[in-house]
N, C-alpha and C. Protein backbone atom coordinates (compact mmCIF):
# COMPACT_ATOMS: atom_id res chain seq x y z
N MET A 1 47.40 -3.91 73.73
CA MET A 1 48.66 -4.30 75.02
C MET A 1 48.15 -5.62 75.61
N ILE A 2 48.81 -5.60 76.12
CA ILE A 2 48.83 -7.24 77.02
C ILE A 2 48.41 -7.19 78.36
N TYR A 3 47.31 -7.91 78.94
CA TYR A 3 47.05 -8.17 80.03
C TYR A 3 47.27 -9.44 80.52
N LYS A 4 47.76 -9.23 82.20
CA LYS A 4 47.73 -10.14 82.44
C LYS A 4 46.73 -10.91 83.63
N VAL A 5 45.88 -11.65 83.52
CA VAL A 5 44.57 -12.18 84.32
C VAL A 5 44.47 -13.41 85.45
N TYR A 6 44.03 -12.81 86.56
CA TYR A 6 44.60 -13.62 87.43
C TYR A 6 43.04 -14.06 87.88
N TYR A 7 42.96 -15.54 87.99
CA TYR A 7 41.73 -16.42 87.69
C TYR A 7 41.63 -17.72 88.61
N GLN A 8 40.32 -18.12 89.12
CA GLN A 8 40.13 -19.37 90.04
C GLN A 8 39.59 -20.20 88.48
N GLU A 9 40.05 -21.37 88.28
CA GLU A 9 39.26 -22.11 87.42
C GLU A 9 37.17 -22.19 86.89
N SER A 10 36.89 -22.03 87.98
CA SER A 10 35.37 -22.65 88.76
C SER A 10 35.12 -20.55 89.39
N ALA A 11 33.78 -20.03 88.82
CA ALA A 11 33.41 -19.36 89.20
C ALA A 11 32.61 -19.64 90.75
N THR A 12 32.00 -20.92 90.67
CA THR A 12 31.12 -21.20 91.82
C THR A 12 31.85 -22.05 93.24
N GLU A 13 32.89 -21.45 93.08
CA GLU A 13 34.18 -22.28 94.56
C GLU A 13 34.51 -21.07 94.61
N VAL A 14 34.74 -20.90 96.23
CA VAL A 14 35.89 -19.78 96.78
C VAL A 14 36.73 -19.73 96.44
N PRO A 15 37.47 -18.44 96.34
CA PRO A 15 38.64 -18.42 95.51
C PRO A 15 39.89 -19.04 96.73
N VAL A 16 40.95 -19.35 96.18
CA VAL A 16 42.10 -19.46 97.25
C VAL A 16 42.89 -19.70 96.41
N ARG A 17 44.12 -18.61 97.37
CA ARG A 17 45.63 -18.31 96.77
C ARG A 17 45.92 -19.21 96.15
N GLU A 18 46.40 -20.45 96.54
CA GLU A 18 47.27 -21.39 95.93
C GLU A 18 46.41 -22.07 94.77
N LYS A 19 44.78 -21.78 94.65
CA LYS A 19 44.52 -22.17 93.24
C LYS A 19 44.51 -21.08 92.13
N THR A 20 44.72 -19.65 92.18
CA THR A 20 44.87 -18.95 91.51
C THR A 20 45.87 -19.35 90.49
N GLN A 21 45.39 -18.95 89.40
CA GLN A 21 46.13 -19.50 88.15
C GLN A 21 45.78 -18.04 87.22
N THR A 22 46.80 -17.60 86.11
CA THR A 22 47.12 -16.93 85.35
C THR A 22 47.14 -16.90 83.75
N LEU A 23 46.83 -16.11 83.02
CA LEU A 23 46.98 -16.42 81.38
C LEU A 23 47.17 -14.78 81.36
N TYR A 24 48.08 -14.42 79.88
CA TYR A 24 48.09 -13.48 79.42
C TYR A 24 47.70 -13.30 77.66
N LEU A 25 46.92 -12.01 77.82
CA LEU A 25 45.67 -11.46 77.04
C LEU A 25 46.06 -10.29 76.02
N GLU A 26 45.93 -10.35 74.76
CA GLU A 26 45.49 -9.16 74.42
C GLU A 26 44.83 -8.80 74.18
N ALA A 27 44.47 -7.75 74.23
CA ALA A 27 42.86 -6.60 74.28
C ALA A 27 43.36 -4.83 74.07
N ASP A 28 41.89 -4.83 74.09
CA ASP A 28 42.12 -3.37 73.64
C ASP A 28 42.00 -2.42 75.33
N SER A 29 41.16 -2.92 76.05
CA SER A 29 41.44 -2.82 77.43
C SER A 29 40.65 -3.76 78.72
N GLU A 30 40.78 -3.51 79.80
CA GLU A 30 40.32 -4.22 80.89
C GLU A 30 39.01 -4.73 80.79
N MET A 31 37.83 -3.75 79.85
CA MET A 31 36.99 -4.53 79.55
C MET A 31 36.87 -5.36 78.47
N ASP A 32 37.51 -4.95 77.88
CA ASP A 32 37.95 -6.06 76.44
C ASP A 32 38.52 -7.34 76.54
N VAL A 33 39.11 -7.39 78.03
CA VAL A 33 39.71 -8.84 78.27
C VAL A 33 38.38 -9.28 79.15
N ARG A 34 37.69 -8.71 79.51
CA ARG A 34 36.62 -9.88 80.51
C ARG A 34 35.46 -10.33 79.77
N LEU A 35 35.28 -9.40 78.37
CA LEU A 35 34.38 -9.43 77.33
C LEU A 35 34.88 -11.08 76.87
N LYS A 36 35.89 -10.76 76.34
CA LYS A 36 36.68 -11.94 76.01
C LYS A 36 36.59 -13.08 76.58
N LEU A 37 36.76 -13.08 77.95
CA LEU A 37 37.17 -14.69 78.80
C LEU A 37 35.34 -14.94 79.13
N LYS A 38 34.42 -13.70 78.79
CA LYS A 38 32.79 -13.97 79.41
C LYS A 38 32.38 -15.69 79.39
N ASN A 39 32.61 -16.05 78.66
CA ASN A 39 31.97 -17.86 77.78
C ASN A 39 32.55 -18.88 79.06
N ARG A 40 34.08 -17.96 79.44
CA ARG A 40 34.71 -19.26 80.05
C ARG A 40 33.91 -19.00 81.51
N ASN A 41 34.25 -20.09 82.31
CA ASN A 41 33.43 -19.95 83.59
C ASN A 41 34.19 -19.86 84.91
N TYR A 42 35.42 -18.71 84.50
CA TYR A 42 36.30 -18.46 85.35
C TYR A 42 36.00 -17.21 86.29
N ASN A 43 36.53 -17.00 87.54
CA ASN A 43 36.07 -16.16 88.70
C ASN A 43 37.41 -15.44 88.34
N ILE A 44 37.31 -14.31 87.87
CA ILE A 44 38.47 -13.32 87.34
C ILE A 44 38.90 -12.64 88.54
N GLU A 45 39.77 -12.42 89.21
CA GLU A 45 40.27 -11.98 90.55
C GLU A 45 40.58 -10.68 90.08
N LEU A 46 41.49 -10.70 89.01
CA LEU A 46 42.76 -9.40 88.75
C LEU A 46 42.84 -9.43 87.80
N VAL A 47 42.84 -8.37 86.58
CA VAL A 47 43.22 -7.85 84.90
C VAL A 47 44.06 -6.65 85.50
N GLN A 48 45.43 -7.27 84.99
CA GLN A 48 46.55 -6.13 85.19
C GLN A 48 47.36 -5.58 83.77
N LYS A 49 47.33 -4.76 83.45
CA LYS A 49 47.95 -4.19 81.86
C LYS A 49 49.30 -4.28 82.71
N LEU A 50 50.07 -4.84 81.10
CA LEU A 50 51.40 -5.01 81.29
C LEU A 50 51.77 -4.19 80.55
N GLU A 51 53.29 -3.55 80.73
CA GLU A 51 53.93 -2.77 79.84
C GLU A 51 55.11 -2.35 80.28
N GLY A 52 56.22 -1.75 79.45
CA GLY A 52 57.64 -1.74 79.83
C GLY A 52 58.56 -2.90 80.48
N LYS A 53 59.17 -2.56 81.76
CA LYS A 53 59.96 -3.48 82.53
C LYS A 53 58.99 -4.94 83.02
N TYR A 54 58.23 -4.32 83.59
CA TYR A 54 57.30 -5.28 83.82
C TYR A 54 56.30 -6.53 82.69
N LEU A 55 56.49 -5.59 81.87
CA LEU A 55 56.05 -7.00 80.30
C LEU A 55 57.19 -7.63 80.20
N GLU A 56 58.65 -6.54 80.29
CA GLU A 56 59.94 -7.27 79.67
C GLU A 56 60.03 -8.58 80.62
N TYR A 57 59.71 -8.54 81.47
CA TYR A 57 60.09 -9.43 82.53
C TYR A 57 59.68 -10.64 82.43
N GLU A 58 57.94 -10.22 82.22
CA GLU A 58 57.00 -11.10 82.12
C GLU A 58 56.95 -12.05 80.67
N GLN A 59 57.25 -12.20 79.98
CA GLN A 59 57.97 -12.24 78.85
C GLN A 59 58.77 -13.21 78.50
N ASN A 60 59.79 -12.74 79.58
CA ASN A 60 61.09 -13.61 80.07
C ASN A 60 61.30 -14.90 80.93
N HIS A 61 59.82 -14.87 81.22
CA HIS A 61 59.52 -16.25 82.79
C HIS A 61 59.02 -17.19 81.51
N GLU A 62 59.49 -18.47 82.20
CA GLU A 62 58.86 -19.23 81.55
C GLU A 62 57.40 -19.79 81.70
N ASN A 63 56.60 -19.13 82.17
CA ASN A 63 55.25 -19.46 81.94
C ASN A 63 54.35 -18.70 81.35
N TYR A 64 55.10 -17.68 80.49
CA TYR A 64 54.35 -16.89 79.21
C TYR A 64 54.18 -17.15 78.34
N ARG A 65 52.79 -16.97 78.22
CA ARG A 65 52.04 -17.90 76.75
C ARG A 65 51.02 -16.80 77.03
N LEU A 66 50.90 -16.00 75.69
CA LEU A 66 49.90 -15.00 75.32
C LEU A 66 48.47 -16.22 74.35
N GLU A 67 47.76 -16.23 75.30
CA GLU A 67 46.46 -16.54 75.03
C GLU A 67 45.86 -16.22 73.59
N GLN A 68 44.95 -17.16 72.66
CA GLN A 68 44.71 -16.77 71.37
C GLN A 68 43.12 -16.95 71.40
N LEU A 69 42.64 -15.95 71.78
CA LEU A 69 40.77 -16.37 71.66
C LEU A 69 40.22 -15.77 70.33
């Protein structure tokens, strides 16, 4: 499954909407996503499973790039 992760670069800073970044990751579950990103110093705001039309839409977006971990 493909997941879209909304995060802040630093876990020590207060989240600011304008600094929120996203990445796309293939994983078995939301917990698997969090475990894969555990070593990065990210403040994860949301992990969202992408499927169906929403996944197609994201894949056609210019910023779509599947992260390889």
